[in-house]
Amino acid sequence: MRIDRNLAKQLYQQHKGKFFYDRLVRHITSGDVIAMRVSGTSPRNSIGSSRLWPRLEPDHQPIRQKFALSDVRNVAHASDEDVANYELTLFNLL
């Protein structure tokens, strides 16, 4: 699917006013995405932190470290539980 600017702003509303907010909105609206609901702790560990430095050894890198271009231009979005249900409603995934 494609995320339009309005949906992107809703998705990242908790970051509004932060220096990277516009970059997040611009990046997620720049191409197709796959929206899915994945539960448990393993998916979060597989995705990894949005903080890409220091780089881990190649055999232990989560997907963000393997494929991200920057902290904002990465390949996965993950949410903490307190925000996840709201975000899932945006994509009709509840």
PDB file of N, CA and C in Angstrom:
ATOM      1  N   MET A   1       0.834  -1.172   0.000  1.00  0.00           N
ATOM      2  CA  MET A   1       0.000   0.000   0.000  1.00  0.00           C
ATOM      3  C   MET A   1       0.881   1.238   0.000  1.00  0.00           C
ATOM      4  N   ARG A   2       0.289   2.354  -0.277  1.00  0.00           N
ATOM      5  CA  ARG A   2       0.957   3.654  -0.175  1.00  0.00           C
ATOM      6  C   ARG A   2       0.361   4.401   1.012  1.00  0.00           C
ATOM      7  N   ILE A   3       1.202   5.015   1.792  1.00  0.00           N
ATOM      8  CA  ILE A   3       0.755   5.838   2.912  1.00  0.00           C
ATOM      9  C   ILE A   3       0.775   7.283   2.451  1.00  0.00           C
ATOM     10  N   ASP A   4      -0.396   7.934   2.532  1.00  0.00           N
ATOM     11  CA  ASP A   4      -0.434   9.347   2.147  1.00  0.00           C
ATOM     12  C   ASP A   4       0.026  10.219   3.307  1.00  0.00           C
ATOM     13  N   ARG A   5       0.209  11.486   3.031  1.00  0.00           N
ATOM     14  CA  ARG A   5       0.746  12.420   4.026  1.00  0.00           C
ATOM     15  C   ARG A   5      -0.136  12.510   5.269  1.00  0.00           C
ATOM     16  N   ASN A   6      -1.445  12.493   5.095  1.00  0.00           N
ATOM     17  CA  ASN A   6      -2.366  12.576   6.222  1.00  0.00           C
ATOM     18  C   ASN A   6      -2.207  11.369   7.151  1.00  0.00           C
ATOM     19  N   LEU A   7      -2.156  10.173   6.578  1.00  0.00           N
ATOM     20  CA  LEU A   7      -1.982   8.964   7.386  1.00  0.00           C
ATOM     21  C   LEU A   7      -0.612   8.961   8.059  1.00  0.00           C
ATOM     22  N   ALA A   8       0.409   9.402   7.345  1.00  0.00           N
ATOM     23  CA  ALA A   8       1.759   9.463   7.927  1.00  0.00           C
ATOM     24  C   ALA A   8       1.795  10.392   9.133  1.00  0.00           C
ATOM     25  N   LYS A   9       1.124  11.517   9.041  1.00  0.00           N
ATOM     26  CA  LYS A   9       1.087  12.452  10.162  1.00  0.00           C
ATOM     27  C   LYS A   9       0.380  11.837  11.365  1.00  0.00           C
ATOM     28  N   GLN A  10      -0.668  11.068  11.116  1.00  0.00           N
ATOM     29  CA  GLN A  10      -1.349  10.374  12.206  1.00  0.00           C
ATOM     30  C   GLN A  10      -0.450   9.309  12.816  1.00  0.00           C
ATOM     31  N   LEU A  11       0.244   8.580  11.965  1.00  0.00           N
ATOM     32  CA  LEU A  11       1.126   7.509  12.424  1.00  0.00           C
ATOM     33  C   LEU A  11       2.244   8.043  13.313  1.00  0.00           C
ATOM     34  N   TYR A  12       2.780   9.188  12.960  1.00  0.00           N
ATOM     35  CA  TYR A  12       3.917   9.743  13.689  1.00  0.00           C
ATOM     36  C   TYR A  12       3.549  10.927  14.580  1.00  0.00           C
ATOM     37  N   GLN A  13       2.282  11.039  14.952  1.00  0.00           N
ATOM     38  CA  GLN A  13       1.848  12.195  15.744  1.00  0.00           C
ATOM     39  C   GLN A  13       2.616  12.368  17.050  1.00  0.00           C
ATOM     40  N   GLN A  14       3.072  11.276  17.661  1.00  0.00           N
ATOM     41  CA  GLN A  14       3.805  11.392  18.923  1.00  0.00           C
ATOM     42  C   GLN A  14       5.170  12.053  18.733  1.00  0.00           C
ATOM     43  N   HIS A  15       5.621  12.175  17.485  1.00  0.00           N
ATOM     44  CA  HIS A  15       6.915  12.801  17.213  1.00  0.00           C
ATOM     45  C   HIS A  15       6.779  14.232  16.674  1.00  0.00           C
ATOM     46  N   LYS A  16       5.547  14.717  16.529  1.00  0.00           N
ATOM     47  CA  LYS A  16       5.336  16.061  15.994  1.00  0.00           C
ATOM     48  C   LYS A  16       6.087  17.086  16.847  1.00  0.00           C
ATOM     49  N   GLY A  17       6.775  17.985  16.183  1.00  0.00           N
ATOM     50  CA  GLY A  17       7.565  18.996  16.874  1.00  0.00           C
ATOM     51  C   GLY A  17       9.022  18.607  17.071  1.00  0.00           C
ATOM     52  N   LYS A  18       9.339  17.327  16.877  1.00  0.00           N
ATOM     53  CA  LYS A  18      10.731  16.889  17.001  1.00  0.00           C
ATOM     54  C   LYS A  18      11.454  17.159  15.679  1.00  0.00           C
ATOM     55  N   PHE A  19      12.750  17.318  15.748  1.00  0.00           N
ATOM     56  CA  PHE A  19      13.522  17.701  14.569  1.00  0.00           C
ATOM     57  C   PHE A  19      13.427  16.706  13.415  1.00  0.00           C
ATOM     58  N   PHE A  20      13.124  15.449  13.686  1.00  0.00           N
ATOM     59  CA  PHE A  20      13.103  14.430  12.642  1.00  0.00           C
ATOM     60  C   PHE A  20      11.696  14.117  12.120  1.00  0.00           C
ATOM     61  N   TYR A  21      10.678  14.780  12.652  1.00  0.00           N
ATOM     62  CA  TYR A  21       9.283  14.490  12.288  1.00  0.00           C
ATOM     63  C   TYR A  21       9.047  14.586  10.776  1.00  0.00           C
ATOM     64  N   ASP A  22       9.428  15.693  10.167  1.00  0.00           N
ATOM     65  CA  ASP A  22       9.203  15.863   8.727  1.00  0.00           C
ATOM     66  C   ASP A  22       9.941  14.816   7.902  1.00  0.00           C
ATOM     67  N   ARG A  23      11.121  14.417   8.366  1.00  0.00           N
ATOM     68  CA  ARG A  23      11.875  13.377   7.642  1.00  0.00           C
ATOM     69  C   ARG A  23      11.152  12.031   7.726  1.00  0.00           C
ATOM     70  N   LEU A  24      10.552  11.716   8.883  1.00  0.00           N
ATOM     71  CA  LEU A  24       9.788  10.479   9.014  1.00  0.00           C
ATOM     72  C   LEU A  24       8.610  10.466   8.048  1.00  0.00           C
ATOM     73  N   VAL A  25       7.859  11.556   8.041  1.00  0.00           N
ATOM     74  CA  VAL A  25       6.687  11.660   7.164  1.00  0.00           C
ATOM     75  C   VAL A  25       7.117  11.548   5.704  1.00  0.00           C
ATOM     76  N   ARG A  26       8.163  12.257   5.329  1.00  0.00           N
ATOM     77  CA  ARG A  26       8.646  12.224   3.945  1.00  0.00           C
ATOM     78  C   ARG A  26       9.101  10.818   3.549  1.00  0.00           C
ATOM     79  N   HIS A  27       9.795  10.139   4.445  1.00  0.00           N
ATOM     80  CA  HIS A  27      10.313   8.805   4.106  1.00  0.00           C
ATOM     81  C   HIS A  27       9.192   7.780   3.948  1.00  0.00           C
ATOM     82  N   ILE A  28       8.256   7.741   4.887  1.00  0.00           N
ATOM     83  CA  ILE A  28       7.230   6.692   4.822  1.00  0.00           C
ATOM     84  C   ILE A  28       6.243   6.919   3.678  1.00  0.00           C
ATOM     85  N   THR A  29       6.174   8.139   3.165  1.00  0.00           N
ATOM     86  CA  THR A  29       5.296   8.410   2.026  1.00  0.00           C
ATOM     87  C   THR A  29       6.033   8.315   0.685  1.00  0.00           C
ATOM     88  N   SER A  30       7.291   7.931   0.712  1.00  0.00           N
ATOM     89  CA  SER A  30       8.102   7.933  -0.507  1.00  0.00           C
ATOM     90  C   SER A  30       7.969   6.676  -1.364  1.00  0.00           C
ATOM     91  N   GLY A  31       7.287   5.667  -0.870  1.00  0.00           N
ATOM     92  CA  GLY A  31       7.154   4.440  -1.648  1.00  0.00           C
ATOM     93  C   GLY A  31       6.163   3.490  -1.018  1.00  0.00           C
ATOM     94  N   ASP A  32       6.054   2.320  -1.578  1.00  0.00           N
ATOM     95  CA  ASP A  32       5.123   1.319  -1.078  1.00  0.00           C
ATOM     96  C   ASP A  32       5.576   0.762   0.264  1.00  0.00           C
ATOM     97  N   VAL A  33       4.606   0.347   1.077  1.00  0.00           N
ATOM     98  CA  VAL A  33       4.880  -0.294   2.363  1.00  0.00           C
ATOM     99  C   VAL A  33       4.007  -1.540   2.495  1.00  0.00           C
ATOM    100  N   ILE A  34       4.415  -2.407   3.375  1.00  0.00           N
ATOM    101  CA  ILE A  34       3.607  -3.563   3.761  1.00  0.00           C
ATOM    102  C   ILE A  34       3.248  -3.359   5.219  1.00  0.00           C
ATOM    103  N   ALA A  35       1.965  -3.228   5.498  1.00  0.00           N
ATOM    104  CA  ALA A  35       1.502  -3.045   6.870  1.00  0.00           C
ATOM    105  C   ALA A  35       1.044  -4.395   7.402  1.00  0.00           C
ATOM    106  N   MET A  36       1.551  -4.758   8.565  1.00  0.00           N
ATOM    107  CA  MET A  36       1.162  -6.037   9.157  1.00  0.00           C
ATOM    108  C   MET A  36       1.246  -5.955  10.668  1.00  0.00           C
ATOM    109  N   ARG A  37       0.521  -6.821  11.292  1.00  0.00           N
ATOM    110  CA  ARG A  37       0.544  -6.938  12.743  1.00  0.00           C
ATOM    111  C   ARG A  37       1.376  -8.160  13.105  1.00  0.00           C
ATOM    112  N   VAL A  38       2.412  -7.948  13.894  1.00  0.00           N
ATOM    113  CA  VAL A  38       3.267  -9.028  14.367  1.00  0.00           C
ATOM    114  C   VAL A  38       3.359  -8.877  15.874  1.00  0.00           C
ATOM    115  N   SER A  39       3.063  -9.936  16.610  1.00  0.00           N
ATOM    116  CA  SER A  39       3.043  -9.861  18.067  1.00  0.00           C
ATOM    117  C   SER A  39       4.203 -10.619  18.684  1.00  0.00           C
ATOM    118  N   GLY A  40       4.487 -10.277  19.938  1.00  0.00           N
ATOM    119  CA  GLY A  40       5.526 -10.973  20.681  1.00  0.00           C
ATOM    120  C   GLY A  40       6.782 -10.135  20.802  1.00  0.00           C
ATOM    121  N   THR A  41       7.795 -10.707  21.443  1.00  0.00           N
ATOM    122  CA  THR A  41       9.043  -9.977  21.639  1.00  0.00           C
ATOM    123  C   THR A  41      10.055 -10.246  20.538  1.00  0.00           C
ATOM    124  N   SER A  42       9.973 -11.377  19.883  1.00  0.00           N
ATOM    125  CA  SER A  42      10.938 -11.712  18.831  1.00  0.00           C
ATOM    126  C   SER A  42      10.917 -10.728  17.666  1.00  0.00           C
ATOM    127  N   PRO A  43       9.742 -10.301  17.180  1.00  0.00           N
ATOM    128  CA  PRO A  43       9.757  -9.335  16.069  1.00  0.00           C
ATOM    129  C   PRO A  43      10.501  -8.046  16.425  1.00  0.00           C
ATOM    130  N   ARG A  44      10.296  -7.528  17.612  1.00  0.00           N
ATOM    131  CA  ARG A  44      10.969  -6.297  18.031  1.00  0.00           C
ATOM    132  C   ARG A  44      12.486  -6.514  18.071  1.00  0.00           C
ATOM    133  N   ASN A  45      12.913  -7.663  18.565  1.00  0.00           N
ATOM    134  CA  ASN A  45      14.348  -7.980  18.600  1.00  0.00           C
ATOM    135  C   ASN A  45      14.914  -8.141  17.189  1.00  0.00           C
ATOM    136  N   SER A  46      14.138  -8.707  16.283  1.00  0.00           N
ATOM    137  CA  SER A  46      14.592  -8.899  14.901  1.00  0.00           C
ATOM    138  C   SER A  46      14.722  -7.578  14.159  1.00  0.00           C
ATOM    139  N   ILE A  47      13.814  -6.649  14.449  1.00  0.00           N
ATOM    140  CA  ILE A  47      13.853  -5.343  13.801  1.00  0.00           C
ATOM    141  C   ILE A  47      15.023  -4.535  14.335  1.00  0.00           C
ATOM    142  N   GLY A  48      15.187  -4.516  15.632  1.00  0.00           N
ATOM    143  CA  GLY A  48      16.278  -3.781  16.252  1.00  0.00           C
ATOM    144  C   GLY A  48      15.916  -2.331  16.539  1.00  0.00           C
ATOM    145  N   SER A  49      16.832  -1.642  17.117  1.00  0.00           N
ATOM    146  CA  SER A  49      16.652  -0.253  17.514  1.00  0.00           C
ATOM    147  C   SER A  49      16.764   0.678  16.314  1.00  0.00           C
ATOM    148  N   SER A  50      16.150   1.863  16.422  1.00  0.00           N
ATOM    149  CA  SER A  50      16.326   2.864  15.370  1.00  0.00           C
ATOM    150  C   SER A  50      17.696   3.538  15.509  1.00  0.00           C
ATOM    151  N   ARG A  51      18.357   3.307  16.625  1.00  0.00           N
ATOM    152  CA  ARG A  51      19.733   3.798  16.799  1.00  0.00           C
ATOM    153  C   ARG A  51      20.666   2.791  16.127  1.00  0.00           C
ATOM    154  N   LEU A  52      21.304   3.238  15.090  1.00  0.00           N
ATOM    155  CA  LEU A  52      22.079   2.315  14.259  1.00  0.00           C
ATOM    156  C   LEU A  52      23.539   2.186  14.661  1.00  0.00           C
ATOM    157  N   TRP A  53      24.003   3.021  15.560  1.00  0.00           N
ATOM    158  CA  TRP A  53      25.405   3.012  15.940  1.00  0.00           C
ATOM    159  C   TRP A  53      25.540   2.692  17.407  1.00  0.00           C
ATOM    160  N   PRO A  54      26.521   1.962  17.832  1.00  0.00           N
ATOM    161  CA  PRO A  54      27.564   1.354  17.001  1.00  0.00           C
ATOM    162  C   PRO A  54      27.013   0.131  16.261  1.00  0.00           C
ATOM    163  N   ARG A  55      27.561  -0.117  15.107  1.00  0.00           N
ATOM    164  CA  ARG A  55      27.155  -1.276  14.308  1.00  0.00           C
ATOM    165  C   ARG A  55      27.574  -2.559  15.011  1.00  0.00           C
ATOM    166  N   LEU A  56      26.702  -3.550  14.947  1.00  0.00           N
ATOM    167  CA  LEU A  56      27.021  -4.860  15.508  1.00  0.00           C
ATOM    168  C   LEU A  56      27.758  -5.687  14.462  1.00  0.00           C
ATOM    169  N   GLU A  57      28.302  -6.779  14.887  1.00  0.00           N
ATOM    170  CA  GLU A  57      28.944  -7.705  13.950  1.00  0.00           C
ATOM    171  C   GLU A  57      27.900  -8.173  12.934  1.00  0.00           C
ATOM    172  N   PRO A  58      28.265  -8.354  11.669  1.00  0.00           N
ATOM    173  CA  PRO A  58      27.300  -8.724  10.626  1.00  0.00           C
ATOM    174  C   PRO A  58      26.405  -9.914  10.964  1.00  0.00           C
ATOM    175  N   ASP A  59      26.917 -10.902  11.657  1.00  0.00           N
ATOM    176  CA  ASP A  59      26.107 -12.075  11.988  1.00  0.00           C
ATOM    177  C   ASP A  59      25.042 -11.783  13.034  1.00  0.00           C
ATOM    178  N   HIS A  60      25.142 -10.656  13.736  1.00  0.00           N
ATOM    179  CA  HIS A  60      24.218 -10.334  14.818  1.00  0.00           C
ATOM    180  C   HIS A  60      23.400  -9.071  14.562  1.00  0.00           C
ATOM    181  N   GLN A  61      23.427  -8.552  13.345  1.00  0.00           N
ATOM    182  CA  GLN A  61      22.721  -7.315  13.044  1.00  0.00           C
ATOM    183  C   GLN A  61      21.229  -7.561  12.821  1.00  0.00           C
ATOM    184  N   PRO A  62      20.366  -6.784  13.502  1.00  0.00           N
ATOM    185  CA  PRO A  62      18.941  -6.837  13.186  1.00  0.00           C
ATOM    186  C   PRO A  62      18.698  -6.157  11.828  1.00  0.00           C
ATOM    187  N   ILE A  63      17.498  -6.292  11.264  1.00  0.00           N
ATOM    188  CA  ILE A  63      17.275  -5.786   9.906  1.00  0.00           C
ATOM    189  C   ILE A  63      17.487  -4.290   9.756  1.00  0.00           C
ATOM    190  N   ARG A  64      17.192  -3.510  10.769  1.00  0.00           N
ATOM    191  CA  ARG A  64      17.441  -2.072  10.636  1.00  0.00           C
ATOM    192  C   ARG A  64      18.920  -1.787  10.422  1.00  0.00           C
ATOM    193  N   GLN A  65      19.783  -2.457  11.165  1.00  0.00           N
ATOM    194  CA  GLN A  65      21.224  -2.210  10.986  1.00  0.00           C
ATOM    195  C   GLN A  65      21.722  -2.751   9.657  1.00  0.00           C
ATOM    196  N   LYS A  66      21.147  -3.840   9.183  1.00  0.00           N
ATOM    197  CA  LYS A  66      21.609  -4.412   7.917  1.00  0.00           C
ATOM    198  C   LYS A  66      21.216  -3.555   6.717  1.00  0.00           C
ATOM    199  N   PHE A  67      19.998  -2.969   6.753  1.00  0.00           N
ATOM    200  CA  PHE A  67      19.471  -2.367   5.535  1.00  0.00           C
ATOM    201  C   PHE A  67      19.149  -0.876   5.611  1.00  0.00           C
ATOM    202  N   ALA A  68      19.237  -0.253   6.764  1.00  0.00           N
ATOM    203  CA  ALA A  68      18.881   1.164   6.886  1.00  0.00           C
ATOM    204  C   ALA A  68      19.894   2.071   6.207  1.00  0.00           C
ATOM    205  N   LEU A  69      19.397   3.166   5.663  1.00  0.00           N
ATOM    206  CA  LEU A  69      20.263   4.191   5.103  1.00  0.00           C
ATOM    207  C   LEU A  69      20.619   5.226   6.163  1.00  0.00           C
ATOM    208  N   SER A  70      19.728   5.390   7.143  1.00  0.00           N
ATOM    209  CA  SER A  70      19.960   6.308   8.258  1.00  0.00           C
ATOM    210  C   SER A  70      18.986   5.947   9.376  1.00  0.00           C
ATOM    211  N   ASP A  71      19.033   6.692  10.473  1.00  0.00           N
ATOM    212  CA  ASP A  71      18.123   6.412  11.584  1.00  0.00           C
ATOM    213  C   ASP A  71      16.663   6.596  11.189  1.00  0.00           C
ATOM    214  N   VAL A  72      16.375   7.500  10.289  1.00  0.00           N
ATOM    215  CA  VAL A  72      15.009   7.746   9.837  1.00  0.00           C
ATOM    216  C   VAL A  72      14.681   6.947   8.580  1.00  0.00           C
ATOM    217  N   ARG A  73      15.633   6.793   7.698  1.00  0.00           N
ATOM    218  CA  ARG A  73      15.404   6.066   6.443  1.00  0.00           C
ATOM    219  C   ARG A  73      15.772   4.601   6.657  1.00  0.00           C
ATOM    220  N   ASN A  74      14.898   3.908   7.386  1.00  0.00           N
ATOM    221  CA  ASN A  74      15.148   2.492   7.629  1.00  0.00           C
ATOM    222  C   ASN A  74      14.018   1.655   7.050  1.00  0.00           C
ATOM    223  N   VAL A  75      14.081   0.372   7.230  1.00  0.00           N
ATOM    224  CA  VAL A  75      13.181  -0.533   6.528  1.00  0.00           C
ATOM    225  C   VAL A  75      12.025  -1.055   7.369  1.00  0.00           C
ATOM    226  N   ALA A  76      11.919  -0.637   8.614  1.00  0.00           N
ATOM    227  CA  ALA A  76      10.874  -1.192   9.467  1.00  0.00           C
ATOM    228  C   ALA A  76      10.411  -0.171  10.496  1.00  0.00           C
ATOM    229  N   HIS A  77       9.143  -0.241  10.800  1.00  0.00           N
ATOM    230  CA  HIS A  77       8.551   0.577  11.859  1.00  0.00           C
ATOM    231  C   HIS A  77       8.009  -0.385  12.907  1.00  0.00           C
ATOM    232  N   ALA A  78       8.286  -0.116  14.147  1.00  0.00           N
ATOM    233  CA  ALA A  78       7.765  -0.932  15.242  1.00  0.00           C
ATOM    234  C   ALA A  78       7.239   0.002  16.321  1.00  0.00           C
ATOM    235  N   SER A  79       6.260  -0.471  17.058  1.00  0.00           N
ATOM    236  CA  SER A  79       5.635   0.366  18.086  1.00  0.00           C
ATOM    237  C   SER A  79       5.662  -0.322  19.428  1.00  0.00           C
ATOM    238  N   ASP A  80       5.744   0.493  20.462  1.00  0.00           N
ATOM    239  CA  ASP A  80       5.571  -0.024  21.808  1.00  0.00           C
ATOM    240  C   ASP A  80       4.087  -0.307  22.019  1.00  0.00           C
ATOM    241  N   GLU A  81       3.789  -1.166  22.974  1.00  0.00           N
ATOM    242  CA  GLU A  81       2.402  -1.584  23.200  1.00  0.00           C
ATOM    243  C   GLU A  81       1.446  -0.434  23.395  1.00  0.00           C
ATOM    244  N   ASP A  82       1.874   0.609  24.107  1.00  0.00           N
ATOM    245  CA  ASP A  82       0.964   1.707  24.404  1.00  0.00           C
ATOM    246  C   ASP A  82       0.529   2.479  23.159  1.00  0.00           C
ATOM    247  N   VAL A  83       1.280   2.403  22.067  1.00  0.00           N
ATOM    248  CA  VAL A  83       0.958   3.108  20.833  1.00  0.00           C
ATOM    249  C   VAL A  83       0.445   2.142  19.759  1.00  0.00           C
ATOM    250  N   ALA A  84       0.806   0.886  19.867  1.00  0.00           N
ATOM    251  CA  ALA A  84       0.531  -0.090  18.808  1.00  0.00           C
ATOM    252  C   ALA A  84      -0.949  -0.218  18.461  1.00  0.00           C
ATOM    253  N   ASN A  85      -1.819  -0.305  19.452  1.00  0.00           N
ATOM    254  CA  ASN A  85      -3.241  -0.474  19.145  1.00  0.00           C
ATOM    255  C   ASN A  85      -3.794   0.696  18.361  1.00  0.00           C
ATOM    256  N   TYR A  86      -3.395   1.910  18.710  1.00  0.00           N
ATOM    257  CA  TYR A  86      -3.824   3.081  17.938  1.00  0.00           C
ATOM    258  C   TYR A  86      -3.335   2.973  16.495  1.00  0.00           C
ATOM    259  N   GLU A  87      -2.065   2.649  16.319  1.00  0.00           N
ATOM    260  CA  GLU A  87      -1.503   2.554  14.974  1.00  0.00           C
ATOM    261  C   GLU A  87      -2.154   1.432  14.168  1.00  0.00           C
ATOM    262  N   LEU A  88      -2.470   0.325  14.805  1.00  0.00           N
ATOM    263  CA  LEU A  88      -3.136  -0.773  14.115  1.00  0.00           C
ATOM    264  C   LEU A  88      -4.505  -0.357  13.599  1.00  0.00           C
ATOM    265  N   THR A  89      -5.212   0.500  14.341  1.00  0.00           N
ATOM    266  CA  THR A  89      -6.520   0.980  13.859  1.00  0.00           C
ATOM    267  C   THR A  89      -6.360   1.827  12.602  1.00  0.00           C
ATOM    268  N   LEU A  90      -5.260   2.549  12.470  1.00  0.00           N
ATOM    269  CA  LEU A  90      -5.029   3.357  11.270  1.00  0.00           C
ATOM    270  C   LEU A  90      -4.970   2.495  10.024  1.00  0.00           C
ATOM    271  N   PHE A  91      -4.510   1.274  10.163  1.00  0.00           N
ATOM    272  CA  PHE A  91      -4.368   0.347   9.032  1.00  0.00           C
ATOM    273  C   PHE A  91      -5.434  -0.741   9.021  1.00  0.00           C
ATOM    274  N   ASN A  92      -6.428  -0.621   9.885  1.00  0.00           N
ATOM    275  CA  ASN A  92      -7.499  -1.623   9.993  1.00  0.00           C
ATOM    276  C   ASN A  92      -6.946  -3.022  10.251  1.00  0.00           C
ATOM    277  N   LEU A  93      -5.969  -3.122  11.138  1.00  0.00           N
ATOM    278  CA  LEU A  93      -5.325  -4.402  11.421  1.00  0.00           C
ATOM    279  C   LEU A  93      -5.667  -4.941  12.810  1.00  0.00           C
ATOM    280  N   LEU A  94      -6.590  -4.332  13.506  1.00  0.00           N
ATOM    281  CA  LEU A  94      -6.973  -4.842  14.830  1.00  0.00           C
ATOM    282  C   LEU A  94      -7.923  -5.994  14.727  1.00  0.00           C
TER     283      LEU A  94
END
